[in-house]
Amino acid sequence: MPAKTPITVAHGDGIGPEIMNATLQILEAAGASLDIETIDVGEKIYLRGNPSGIEPGSWESLLRTKVFLKAPITTPQGSGYKSLNVTTRKTLGQYANVRPCVSYHPFVDTRHPNMDVVVVRENEEDLYAGMEYRLSPDMTSAIKLISRPGTEKIVRYAFEYARRYNRKKVTCFTKDNILTMTDGLFHKIYDEIAAQYPDIRKEHWIVDIGAAKMADTPEAFDVIVMPNLYGDVLSDVAAQIAGSVGLGGAANIGDNCSMFEAIHGSAPRHA
């Protein structure tokens, strides 16, 4: 009998437990042989006075199993609470957020029955580095970080993903006509790495018109790689176009541990 695969599971808050129970039933029916370790994260941990939403001992489970299957959680309102997702991504080096946005027509209504787009989003840098400052009572600032190592890693991941799954094209979205240094660096590195994959088509779009094209004709795209903020926004848009954000899932890929989750929230009013 093959050895069971160890994974760490968090049942989450709100509708999270219901979603996780259904997910585990599907995995079992599909024949996955799992050795499940369960941890508590989210609202109950926050309310115990832990601002990160995860107990220190839970990191040991994540590093041991290397797989984190997480249901949506509730972050209490008010200041002082850190995003568990951001904390997990940064702590475990989960540099790539991968969101397949595929139509399930005719089972789910959509205007784009042939849509099959994968958004590959840089997951640690950009404005989500969390470097915000108050310059005066009437002025605030946020620093946008784009690094060569971070960009090389995410762009190469996108091309390797395309090659592994027989995808034909990798598109880059940036706003380098305005953000010439930060997004300009992302675009420049994309071009450098794209040249190393002659078997895969490449193209670049300015993010605003690229988003409009994706909303109107998602079939024109295959794999799209982009900086963190654009990827966060447009992966939700792509999921909704495909049928529903409620059906969207995401993989947060890291070298030491990867996290898999629904892209929507815990919807406590519907629990």
Protein backbone atom coordinates (compact mmCIF):
# COMPACT_ATOMS: atom_id res chain seq x y z
CA MET A 1 0.00 0.00 0.00
CA PRO A 2 1.48 3.40 -0.96
CA ALA A 3 2.39 5.74 1.87
CA LYS A 4 -0.11 8.44 2.68
CA THR A 5 0.76 12.02 1.72
CA PRO A 6 0.98 14.30 4.77
CA ILE A 7 -0.91 17.60 4.52
CA THR A 8 -1.87 20.31 6.98
CA VAL A 9 -5.53 21.35 6.96
CA ALA A 10 -7.23 24.43 8.46
CA HIS A 11 -11.05 24.42 8.41
CA GLY A 12 -11.29 28.22 8.69
CA ASP A 13 -14.20 30.44 9.71
CA GLY A 14 -17.67 31.29 8.42
CA ILE A 15 -18.45 29.04 5.46
CA GLY A 16 -14.91 27.67 5.64
CA PRO A 17 -15.71 24.41 7.52
CA GLU A 18 -18.51 23.57 5.09
CA ILE A 19 -16.24 24.16 2.09
CA MET A 20 -13.38 22.19 3.61
CA ASN A 21 -15.59 19.20 4.45
CA ALA A 22 -16.78 19.08 0.83
CA THR A 23 -13.22 19.45 -0.45
CA LEU A 24 -11.94 16.58 1.67
CA GLN A 25 -14.84 14.38 0.53
CA ILE A 26 -13.92 15.08 -3.09
CA LEU A 27 -10.25 14.30 -2.47
CA GLU A 28 -11.18 11.06 -0.78
CA ALA A 29 -13.53 10.07 -3.62
CA ALA A 30 -10.76 10.86 -6.11
CA GLY A 31 -8.52 8.34 -4.38
CA ALA A 32 -6.12 10.70 -2.62
CA SER A 33 -4.41 8.93 0.27
CA LEU A 34 -3.84 11.66 2.83
CA ASP A 35 -2.37 11.85 6.32
CA ILE A 36 -4.10 14.96 7.64
CA GLU A 37 -2.77 17.20 10.39
CA THR A 38 -5.34 19.78 11.54
CA ILE A 39 -4.43 23.23 12.84
CA ASP A 40 -6.52 26.21 13.99
CA VAL A 41 -6.02 29.54 12.26
CA GLY A 42 -8.06 32.68 11.82
CA GLU A 43 -10.63 34.43 13.98
CA LYS A 44 -10.36 32.35 17.13
CA ILE A 45 -6.57 32.75 17.13
CA TYR A 46 -6.79 36.49 16.51
CA LEU A 47 -9.24 36.86 19.39
CA ARG A 48 -6.86 35.03 21.72
CA GLY A 49 -4.54 37.99 21.27
CA ASN A 50 -2.35 36.64 18.47
CA PRO A 51 -2.19 39.39 15.79
CA SER A 52 -0.94 37.04 13.05
CA GLY A 53 -3.89 34.60 13.25
CA ILE A 54 -1.71 31.49 13.57
CA GLU A 55 -0.17 29.82 16.61
CA PRO A 56 3.66 29.48 16.70
CA GLY A 57 3.41 25.69 16.91
CA SER A 58 1.41 25.48 13.67
CA TRP A 59 4.46 26.49 11.64
CA GLU A 60 6.07 23.20 12.61
CA SER A 61 3.23 21.28 10.95
CA LEU A 62 3.47 23.38 7.78
CA LEU A 63 7.21 22.87 7.46
CA ARG A 64 6.83 19.15 8.14
CA THR A 65 4.04 18.39 5.66
CA LYS A 66 4.96 21.10 3.13
CA VAL A 67 1.31 21.25 1.99
CA PHE A 68 -1.25 23.66 3.52
CA LEU A 69 -4.91 23.26 2.52
CA LYS A 70 -6.68 26.30 4.00
CA ALA A 71 -10.34 27.27 4.06
CA PRO A 72 -11.33 30.97 4.14
CA ILE A 73 -10.88 32.75 7.46
CA THR A 74 -12.32 35.84 9.15
CA THR A 75 -9.98 38.65 10.16
CA PRO A 76 -11.53 40.77 12.94
CA GLN A 77 -12.28 44.39 12.10
CA GLY A 78 -9.96 47.00 13.48
CA SER A 79 -6.27 47.80 13.44
CA GLY A 80 -3.51 45.56 14.73
CA TYR A 81 -4.47 42.35 12.91
CA LYS A 82 -2.12 41.08 10.22
CA SER A 83 -3.31 39.27 7.11
CA LEU A 84 -2.74 35.54 7.65
CA ASN A 85 -2.32 35.04 3.91
CA VAL A 86 0.36 37.71 3.63
CA THR A 87 2.10 36.38 6.75
CA THR A 88 2.09 32.82 5.42
CA ARG A 89 3.30 33.83 1.96
CA LYS A 90 6.18 35.90 3.33
CA THR A 91 7.19 33.49 6.10
CA LEU A 92 7.24 30.45 3.81
CA GLY A 93 8.53 32.21 0.70
CA GLN A 94 5.44 31.48 -1.40
CA TYR A 95 6.50 33.57 -4.35
CA ALA A 96 3.93 32.46 -6.95
CA ASN A 97 0.16 32.76 -6.75
CA VAL A 98 -1.39 30.59 -9.45
CA ARG A 99 -5.09 30.96 -10.27
CA PRO A 100 -6.65 28.83 -13.00
CA CYS A 101 -9.76 30.58 -14.32
CA VAL A 102 -11.64 28.04 -16.43
CA SER A 103 -15.21 27.85 -17.65
CA TYR A 104 -17.37 24.96 -16.43
CA HIS A 105 -19.96 25.51 -19.16
CA PRO A 106 -22.67 24.19 -19.48
CA PHE A 107 -22.81 23.45 -15.75
CA VAL A 108 -22.06 27.07 -14.75
CA ASP A 109 -23.44 29.98 -16.78
CA THR A 110 -20.84 32.17 -18.48
CA ARG A 111 -20.57 34.34 -21.56
CA HIS A 112 -17.22 32.70 -22.30
CA PRO A 113 -17.73 28.93 -22.47
CA ASN A 114 -14.25 28.32 -23.92
CA MET A 115 -12.34 30.38 -21.36
CA ASP A 116 -9.21 28.73 -19.91
CA VAL A 117 -6.81 31.32 -18.49
CA VAL A 118 -4.15 30.88 -15.81
CA VAL A 119 -3.10 34.02 -13.91
CA VAL A 120 0.40 33.79 -12.42
CA ARG A 121 0.82 36.57 -9.88
CA GLU A 122 4.02 37.62 -8.11
CA ASN A 123 3.19 37.06 -4.47
CA GLU A 124 5.69 38.83 -2.19
CA GLU A 125 6.64 42.23 -3.61
CA ASP A 126 5.01 45.24 -5.29
CA LEU A 127 2.76 47.44 -3.11
CA TYR A 128 1.94 44.38 -0.98
CA ALA A 129 5.35 44.58 0.66
CA GLY A 130 3.41 46.58 3.24
CA MET A 131 5.76 49.57 3.41
CA GLU A 132 3.34 52.42 4.09
CA TYR A 133 4.12 55.75 5.70
CA ARG A 134 2.24 58.81 6.90
CA LEU A 135 4.08 61.83 5.54
CA SER A 136 1.75 64.35 7.14
CA PRO A 137 -1.78 64.39 8.58
CA ASP A 138 -3.06 64.80 5.01
CA MET A 139 -0.58 62.68 3.04
CA THR A 140 0.32 58.98 3.05
CA SER A 141 2.70 56.93 0.93
CA ALA A 142 3.21 53.29 -0.10
CA ILE A 143 6.42 51.93 -1.62
CA LYS A 144 6.22 49.68 -4.69
CA LEU A 145 9.00 47.10 -4.66
CA ILE A 146 10.00 45.26 -7.84
CA SER A 147 13.27 43.33 -7.64
CA ARG A 148 15.27 41.48 -10.27
CA PRO A 149 15.44 38.22 -8.24
CA GLY A 150 11.72 38.28 -7.44
CA THR A 151 10.73 39.07 -11.02
CA GLU A 152 13.07 36.50 -12.54
CA LYS A 153 11.60 33.84 -10.27
CA ILE A 154 7.95 34.54 -11.09
CA VAL A 155 8.45 35.01 -14.83
CA ARG A 156 10.48 31.81 -15.11
CA TYR A 157 7.81 30.00 -13.10
CA ALA A 158 5.16 31.19 -15.58
CA PHE A 159 7.13 29.91 -18.58
CA GLU A 160 7.98 26.61 -16.89
CA TYR A 161 4.30 26.20 -15.98
CA ALA A 162 3.32 26.85 -19.59
CA ARG A 163 5.83 24.31 -20.88
CA ARG A 164 4.85 21.65 -18.32
CA TYR A 165 1.13 21.93 -19.03
CA ASN A 166 1.44 22.37 -22.80
CA ARG A 167 0.35 26.00 -22.81
CA LYS A 168 1.14 27.96 -25.94
CA LYS A 169 1.56 31.57 -24.80
CA VAL A 170 2.68 33.62 -21.79
CA THR A 171 1.45 37.22 -21.69
CA CYS A 172 2.86 39.94 -19.42
CA PHE A 173 0.73 42.80 -18.04
CA THR A 174 2.46 45.93 -16.69
CA LYS A 175 1.97 49.72 -16.61
CA ASP A 176 5.49 50.54 -17.73
CA ASN A 177 4.36 53.44 -19.91
CA ILE A 178 3.88 55.32 -16.60
CA LEU A 179 5.85 53.33 -14.01
CA THR A 180 8.97 53.23 -16.14
CA MET A 181 11.39 52.04 -13.44
CA THR A 182 9.38 49.47 -11.44
CA ASP A 183 7.07 48.02 -14.07
CA GLY A 184 9.77 48.79 -16.63
CA LEU A 185 12.10 46.39 -14.81
CA PHE A 186 9.38 43.72 -14.69
CA HIS A 187 8.81 44.06 -18.46
CA LYS A 188 12.54 44.06 -19.23
CA ILE A 189 13.13 40.85 -17.25
CA TYR A 190 10.07 39.27 -18.85
CA ASP A 191 11.58 39.92 -22.29
CA GLU A 192 14.94 38.49 -21.21
CA ILE A 193 13.45 35.27 -19.90
CA ALA A 194 10.91 34.91 -22.72
CA ALA A 195 13.83 34.76 -25.19
CA GLN A 196 14.94 31.55 -23.47
CA TYR A 197 11.64 29.81 -24.35
CA PRO A 198 11.38 29.97 -28.16
CA ASP A 199 8.70 27.24 -28.14
CA ILE A 200 6.27 29.50 -26.24
CA ARG A 201 4.71 32.63 -27.72
CA LYS A 202 5.13 35.88 -25.80
CA GLU A 203 3.29 39.21 -25.76
CA HIS A 204 3.04 42.26 -23.53
CA TRP A 205 -0.01 44.43 -22.79
CA ILE A 206 -0.37 47.64 -20.83
CA VAL A 207 -2.46 46.47 -17.88
CA ASP A 208 -5.52 48.69 -18.37
CA ILE A 209 -6.16 47.81 -22.01
CA GLY A 210 -5.04 44.24 -21.31
CA ALA A 211 -7.68 44.00 -18.60
CA ALA A 212 -10.31 45.34 -21.00
CA LYS A 213 -9.29 42.76 -23.61
CA MET A 214 -9.39 39.96 -21.03
CA ALA A 215 -12.88 41.00 -19.90
CA ASP A 216 -14.15 41.07 -23.48
CA THR A 217 -12.17 38.23 -25.10
CA PRO A 218 -10.54 36.01 -22.46
CA GLU A 219 -10.03 33.32 -25.11
CA ALA A 220 -7.20 35.51 -26.48
CA PHE A 221 -5.08 34.67 -23.43
CA ASP A 222 -3.47 31.53 -22.05
CA VAL A 223 -1.03 32.19 -19.17
CA ILE A 224 -0.77 35.78 -17.88
CA VAL A 225 2.07 36.83 -15.55
CA MET A 226 1.98 40.14 -13.69
CA PRO A 227 3.08 42.00 -10.56
CA ASN A 228 1.27 41.45 -7.28
CA LEU A 229 -1.41 44.15 -7.20
CA TYR A 230 -2.52 43.75 -10.82
CA GLY A 231 -2.59 39.98 -10.37
CA ASP A 232 -4.70 40.20 -7.23
CA VAL A 233 -7.34 42.36 -8.89
CA LEU A 234 -7.44 40.73 -12.31
CA SER A 235 -7.41 37.13 -11.10
CA ASP A 236 -10.70 37.86 -9.30
CA VAL A 237 -12.05 39.50 -12.46
CA ALA A 238 -10.96 36.50 -14.52
CA ALA A 239 -12.59 34.07 -12.08
CA GLN A 240 -15.87 35.99 -12.23
CA ILE A 241 -15.79 36.10 -16.03
CA ALA A 242 -15.25 32.33 -16.09
CA GLY A 243 -18.38 31.76 -14.00
CA SER A 244 -17.97 32.88 -10.39
CA VAL A 245 -15.38 34.01 -7.87
CA GLY A 246 -17.07 31.44 -5.63
CA LEU A 247 -15.59 28.66 -7.78
CA GLY A 248 -12.07 30.08 -7.89
CA GLY A 249 -9.09 28.45 -6.27
CA ALA A 250 -5.47 29.48 -5.85
CA ALA A 251 -2.14 27.82 -5.25
CA ASN A 252 0.55 29.76 -3.39
CA ILE A 253 3.76 28.05 -4.48
CA GLY A 254 6.95 28.08 -2.41
CA ASP A 255 10.14 26.06 -2.28
CA ASN A 256 9.51 24.83 1.28
CA CYS A 257 5.70 24.76 1.60
CA SER A 258 2.76 25.55 -0.69
CA MET A 259 -0.71 26.74 0.32
CA PHE A 260 -3.94 25.91 -1.52
CA GLU A 261 -7.13 27.86 -0.88
CA ALA A 262 -10.38 29.27 -2.20
CA ILE A 263 -9.96 32.82 -3.48
CA HIS A 264 -13.09 34.18 -1.80
CA GLY A 265 -13.70 35.14 1.82
CA SER A 266 -15.37 33.39 4.75
CA ALA A 267 -18.80 35.03 4.19
CA PRO A 268 -19.80 34.79 7.89
CA ARG A 269 -23.29 36.17 7.15
CA HIS A 270 -23.98 33.11 5.02
CA ALA A 271 -22.49 30.51 7.35
